[in-house]
Every structure is written in C-alpha cells, then in structure tokens.
Amino acid sequence: MKAVFVLMLAALVLSGCGIAGGGAAQPSSTPSTSPGAGFDATVTETTRSVTLRAGQTLAVVLHARLGMTNWSGVRSSDQSVLAPIVNPAASAARGVTLAGFKAVAPGKAQIDATAGPDCSPDQACPAYVMVLTIDVTVTAA
C-alpha cells in the first residue's frame, strides 16, 4: 500500500512540474492558411512566428491549458507595426481568448499574453505565470 501511495505521489509531482514549467519546448508551427472571419492569417498558442504584409489582418486564438487561467493581456509590443483591432463578430468559447491585429507598417513586433494557475478561492496558489510570445514580421505590401 505504501509503494502505491509513493508511486501516485511521484506521478502527481511529475505532472505538476510539467504544467508549472510549461513542459518541453513547443515546436514552431505555421499560421493557418484559412483563418476565416475576414482575417488573412490565424495564430495560436503553438505558433512561434508569422510573417504578414502591411495591410493584412491577424487573428489570435489562444486556448487555456488545463489547470491554467485563460490567456490575458494579449498585446502588440509595437503598435506602429502591428495595431490591435476590434472584431465585433468575435465570441469565444469557454477557455478561448480571441484578439485581432492589423499589420500597419513594415517592421517587427511581438504579440505577448500571460496566464496563471487556476486556483480555487481560499486555497494556497503557486506564484508563477506563463508568458506567450509570438514574433511577427511585417513586410511591405
């Protein structure tokens, strides 16, 4: 019985470490070629970089990880290159964060977002945050 308890505890600790540390590095992926909703490209939490032409629009669709809050603070590091836009038709499913951007001028910017542990009220909660960064290159139209 003690051995079973030790194995269960070890499995719990190891799975918790994977969530807290963000797990293994995620591979680069390419943006969707059929983004829908009037956007020229779509990126997700697994996208590492994207290239757009000035004038194109970018949809950001971020899915919350198990045990984490929804992504928040989705922003562009340089609004003169990549400006936020409002999509009045956007409605997200539970656990999904949506944002839209327009490539304004040639240059480089980053899309940043954060998420934290999803903790019950009145419970101890670990103090860490996940940070997402997607590199965006905008070329001339």
C-alpha atoms as a PDB file:
ATOM      1  CA  MET A   1       0.000   0.000   0.000  1.00  0.00           C
ATOM      2  CA  LYS A   2       2.825   2.397   0.858  1.00  0.00           C
ATOM      3  CA  ALA A   3       4.523   1.693  -2.513  1.00  0.00           C
ATOM      4  CA  VAL A   4       1.299   2.507  -4.381  1.00  0.00           C
ATOM      5  CA  PHE A   5       0.969   5.782  -2.473  1.00  0.00           C
ATOM      6  CA  VAL A   6       4.582   6.721  -3.258  1.00  0.00           C
ATOM      7  CA  LEU A   7       4.065   5.978  -6.967  1.00  0.00           C
ATOM      8  CA  MET A   8       0.862   8.040  -7.068  1.00  0.00           C
ATOM      9  CA  LEU A   9       2.572  10.927  -5.301  1.00  0.00           C
ATOM     10  CA  ALA A  10       5.534  10.782  -7.705  1.00  0.00           C
ATOM     11  CA  ALA A  11       3.192  10.810 -10.712  1.00  0.00           C
ATOM     12  CA  LEU A  12       1.319  13.795  -9.307  1.00  0.00           C
ATOM     13  CA  VAL A  13       4.530  15.726  -8.651  1.00  0.00           C
ATOM     14  CA  LEU A  14       5.901  14.997 -12.123  1.00  0.00           C
ATOM     15  CA  SER A  15       2.684  16.010 -13.854  1.00  0.00           C
ATOM     16  CA  GLY A  16       2.539  19.190 -11.774  1.00  0.00           C
ATOM     17  CA  CYS A  17       6.090  20.074 -12.774  1.00  0.00           C
ATOM     18  CA  GLY A  18       5.151  19.750 -16.431  1.00  0.00           C
ATOM     19  CA  ILE A  19       2.339  22.248 -16.018  1.00  0.00           C
ATOM     20  CA  ALA A  20       4.327  24.705 -13.907  1.00  0.00           C
ATOM     21  CA  GLY A  21       7.376  24.674 -16.135  1.00  0.00           C
ATOM     22  CA  GLY A  22       5.462  24.851 -19.375  1.00  0.00           C
ATOM     23  CA  GLY A  23       6.681  21.390 -20.419  1.00  0.00           C
ATOM     24  CA  ALA A  24       9.066  20.754 -23.258  1.00  0.00           C
ATOM     25  CA  ALA A  25       9.736  23.434 -25.829  1.00  0.00           C
ATOM     26  CA  GLN A  26       6.946  23.598 -28.344  1.00  0.00           C
ATOM     27  CA  PRO A  27       7.847  23.249 -31.999  1.00  0.00           C
ATOM     28  CA  SER A  28       7.405  26.144 -34.369  1.00  0.00           C
ATOM     29  CA  SER A  29       4.266  26.000 -36.413  1.00  0.00           C
ATOM     30  CA  THR A  30       2.914  27.916 -39.330  1.00  0.00           C
ATOM     31  CA  PRO A  31      -0.199  30.053 -39.144  1.00  0.00           C
ATOM     32  CA  SER A  32      -3.441  28.780 -40.589  1.00  0.00           C
ATOM     33  CA  THR A  33      -3.962  29.424 -44.272  1.00  0.00           C
ATOM     34  CA  SER A  34      -7.768  29.508 -43.852  1.00  0.00           C
ATOM     35  CA  PRO A  35      -8.345  31.750 -40.837  1.00  0.00           C
ATOM     36  CA  GLY A  36     -11.939  32.680 -41.589  1.00  0.00           C
ATOM     37  CA  ALA A  37     -13.844  35.636 -40.132  1.00  0.00           C
ATOM     38  CA  GLY A  38     -12.187  38.031 -42.586  1.00  0.00           C
ATOM     39  CA  PHE A  39      -8.631  37.602 -41.289  1.00  0.00           C
ATOM     40  CA  ASP A  40      -5.647  36.917 -43.525  1.00  0.00           C
ATOM     41  CA  ALA A  41      -3.877  34.612 -41.024  1.00  0.00           C
ATOM     42  CA  THR A  42      -4.504  32.969 -37.646  1.00  0.00           C
ATOM     43  CA  VAL A  43      -2.014  32.118 -34.902  1.00  0.00           C
ATOM     44  CA  THR A  44      -2.468  30.020 -31.751  1.00  0.00           C
ATOM     45  CA  GLU A  45      -0.540  29.319 -28.559  1.00  0.00           C
ATOM     46  CA  THR A  46       1.656  26.869 -30.519  1.00  0.00           C
ATOM     47  CA  THR A  47       2.726  29.427 -33.140  1.00  0.00           C
ATOM     48  CA  ARG A  48       6.195  30.913 -32.626  1.00  0.00           C
ATOM     49  CA  SER A  49       6.389  33.325 -35.583  1.00  0.00           C
ATOM     50  CA  VAL A  50       4.396  34.668 -38.511  1.00  0.00           C
ATOM     51  CA  THR A  51       5.066  36.982 -41.456  1.00  0.00           C
ATOM     52  CA  LEU A  52       2.425  39.348 -42.835  1.00  0.00           C
ATOM     53  CA  ARG A  53       2.314  42.042 -45.493  1.00  0.00           C
ATOM     54  CA  ALA A  54       1.329  45.573 -44.483  1.00  0.00           C
ATOM     55  CA  GLY A  55      -2.454  45.858 -44.604  1.00  0.00           C
ATOM     56  CA  GLN A  56      -3.129  42.225 -43.685  1.00  0.00           C
ATOM     57  CA  THR A  57      -5.002  41.197 -40.547  1.00  0.00           C
ATOM     58  CA  LEU A  58      -4.120  38.574 -37.962  1.00  0.00           C
ATOM     59  CA  ALA A  59      -6.468  36.599 -35.719  1.00  0.00           C
ATOM     60  CA  VAL A  60      -5.060  35.340 -32.407  1.00  0.00           C
ATOM     61  CA  VAL A  61      -6.873  32.295 -30.965  1.00  0.00           C
ATOM     62  CA  LEU A  62      -5.424  31.141 -27.633  1.00  0.00           C
ATOM     63  CA  HIS A  63      -6.637  28.044 -25.772  1.00  0.00           C
ATOM     64  CA  ALA A  64      -6.225  27.812 -21.991  1.00  0.00           C
ATOM     65  CA  ARG A  65      -4.146  24.887 -20.723  1.00  0.00           C
ATOM     66  CA  LEU A  66      -5.573  22.507 -18.167  1.00  0.00           C
ATOM     67  CA  GLY A  67      -5.140  23.984 -14.681  1.00  0.00           C
ATOM     68  CA  MET A  68      -4.383  27.467 -16.042  1.00  0.00           C
ATOM     69  CA  THR A  69      -6.460  30.632 -16.365  1.00  0.00           C
ATOM     70  CA  ASN A  70      -7.457  31.984 -19.755  1.00  0.00           C
ATOM     71  CA  TRP A  71      -4.738  33.901 -21.591  1.00  0.00           C
ATOM     72  CA  SER A  72      -4.928  37.626 -20.832  1.00  0.00           C
ATOM     73  CA  GLY A  73      -3.130  40.854 -21.651  1.00  0.00           C
ATOM     74  CA  VAL A  74      -2.850  39.969 -25.357  1.00  0.00           C
ATOM     75  CA  ARG A  75      -0.967  42.925 -26.811  1.00  0.00           C
ATOM     76  CA  SER A  76       1.420  44.072 -29.524  1.00  0.00           C
ATOM     77  CA  SER A  77       4.877  45.252 -28.486  1.00  0.00           C
ATOM     78  CA  ASP A  78       4.869  47.887 -31.264  1.00  0.00           C
ATOM     79  CA  GLN A  79       1.503  49.294 -32.310  1.00  0.00           C
ATOM     80  CA  SER A  80       3.094  51.313 -35.110  1.00  0.00           C
ATOM     81  CA  VAL A  81       3.890  47.951 -36.781  1.00  0.00           C
ATOM     82  CA  LEU A  82       1.051  45.745 -35.501  1.00  0.00           C
ATOM     83  CA  ALA A  83      -2.047  47.547 -34.201  1.00  0.00           C
ATOM     84  CA  PRO A  84      -4.913  45.936 -32.266  1.00  0.00           C
ATOM     85  CA  ILE A  85      -8.304  45.856 -33.995  1.00  0.00           C
ATOM     86  CA  VAL A  86     -11.766  45.043 -32.718  1.00  0.00           C
ATOM     87  CA  ASN A  87     -13.688  42.178 -34.261  1.00  0.00           C
ATOM     88  CA  PRO A  88     -17.352  42.861 -33.401  1.00  0.00           C
ATOM     89  CA  ALA A  89     -18.350  39.359 -34.557  1.00  0.00           C
ATOM     90  CA  ALA A  90     -15.901  37.629 -32.222  1.00  0.00           C
ATOM     91  CA  SER A  91     -17.291  35.456 -29.468  1.00  0.00           C
ATOM     92  CA  ALA A  92     -15.030  32.987 -27.765  1.00  0.00           C
ATOM     93  CA  ALA A  93     -15.882  29.579 -26.380  1.00  0.00           C
ATOM     94  CA  ARG A  94     -15.062  28.954 -22.736  1.00  0.00           C
ATOM     95  CA  GLY A  95     -11.299  28.677 -22.302  1.00  0.00           C
ATOM     96  CA  VAL A  96     -10.535  30.525 -25.555  1.00  0.00           C
ATOM     97  CA  THR A  97      -9.114  34.049 -25.807  1.00  0.00           C
ATOM     98  CA  LEU A  98      -9.524  35.958 -29.089  1.00  0.00           C
ATOM     99  CA  ALA A  99      -7.694  39.044 -30.341  1.00  0.00           C
ATOM    100  CA  GLY A 100      -7.202  40.750 -33.693  1.00  0.00           C
ATOM    101  CA  PHE A 101      -4.372  42.828 -35.135  1.00  0.00           C
ATOM    102  CA  LYS A 102      -3.647  44.721 -38.348  1.00  0.00           C
ATOM    103  CA  ALA A 103      -0.199  44.902 -39.921  1.00  0.00           C
ATOM    104  CA  VAL A 104       0.262  48.669 -40.268  1.00  0.00           C
ATOM    105  CA  ALA A 105       3.852  49.161 -41.478  1.00  0.00           C
ATOM    106  CA  PRO A 106       6.959  47.094 -42.233  1.00  0.00           C
ATOM    107  CA  GLY A 107       8.907  46.076 -39.145  1.00  0.00           C
ATOM    108  CA  LYS A 108       8.967  43.603 -36.294  1.00  0.00           C
ATOM    109  CA  ALA A 109       6.679  43.261 -33.273  1.00  0.00           C
ATOM    110  CA  GLN A 110       5.748  40.638 -30.729  1.00  0.00           C
ATOM    111  CA  ILE A 111       2.375  39.503 -29.521  1.00  0.00           C
ATOM    112  CA  ASP A 112       2.524  38.812 -25.782  1.00  0.00           C
ATOM    113  CA  ALA A 113      -0.002  37.186 -23.434  1.00  0.00           C
ATOM    114  CA  THR A 114       0.063  35.711 -19.935  1.00  0.00           C
ATOM    115  CA  ALA A 115      -1.768  33.013 -17.967  1.00  0.00           C
ATOM    116  CA  GLY A 116      -1.523  31.899 -14.357  1.00  0.00           C
ATOM    117  CA  PRO A 117      -2.568  28.919 -12.284  1.00  0.00           C
ATOM    118  CA  ASP A 118      -6.325  28.399 -11.967  1.00  0.00           C
ATOM    119  CA  CYS A 119      -6.806  28.163  -8.190  1.00  0.00           C
ATOM    120  CA  SER A 120      -9.883  27.717  -6.037  1.00  0.00           C
ATOM    121  CA  PRO A 121     -10.809  30.580  -3.721  1.00  0.00           C
ATOM    122  CA  ASP A 122      -9.363  30.361  -0.195  1.00  0.00           C
ATOM    123  CA  GLN A 123      -6.744  27.826  -1.332  1.00  0.00           C
ATOM    124  CA  ALA A 124      -2.976  28.181  -1.485  1.00  0.00           C
ATOM    125  CA  CYS A 125      -1.958  29.005  -5.044  1.00  0.00           C
ATOM    126  CA  PRO A 126       1.509  28.709  -6.626  1.00  0.00           C
ATOM    127  CA  ALA A 127       3.059  32.005  -7.671  1.00  0.00           C
ATOM    128  CA  TYR A 128       4.090  31.593 -11.295  1.00  0.00           C
ATOM    129  CA  VAL A 129       2.974  32.885 -14.666  1.00  0.00           C
ATOM    130  CA  MET A 130       3.181  31.505 -18.201  1.00  0.00           C
ATOM    131  CA  VAL A 131       4.276  34.013 -20.829  1.00  0.00           C
ATOM    132  CA  LEU A 132       3.495  33.552 -24.525  1.00  0.00           C
ATOM    133  CA  THR A 133       5.442  35.437 -27.181  1.00  0.00           C
ATOM    134  CA  ILE A 134       4.775  35.244 -30.920  1.00  0.00           C
ATOM    135  CA  ASP A 135       7.238  37.036 -33.226  1.00  0.00           C
ATOM    136  CA  VAL A 136       5.570  38.978 -36.049  1.00  0.00           C
ATOM    137  CA  THR A 137       7.392  40.300 -39.113  1.00  0.00           C
ATOM    138  CA  VAL A 138       5.540  42.750 -41.343  1.00  0.00           C
ATOM    139  CA  THR A 139       6.834  43.251 -44.875  1.00  0.00           C
ATOM    140  CA  ALA A 140       5.908  45.943 -47.421  1.00  0.00           C
ATOM    141  CA  ALA A 141       2.587  45.404 -49.199  1.00  0.00           C
END
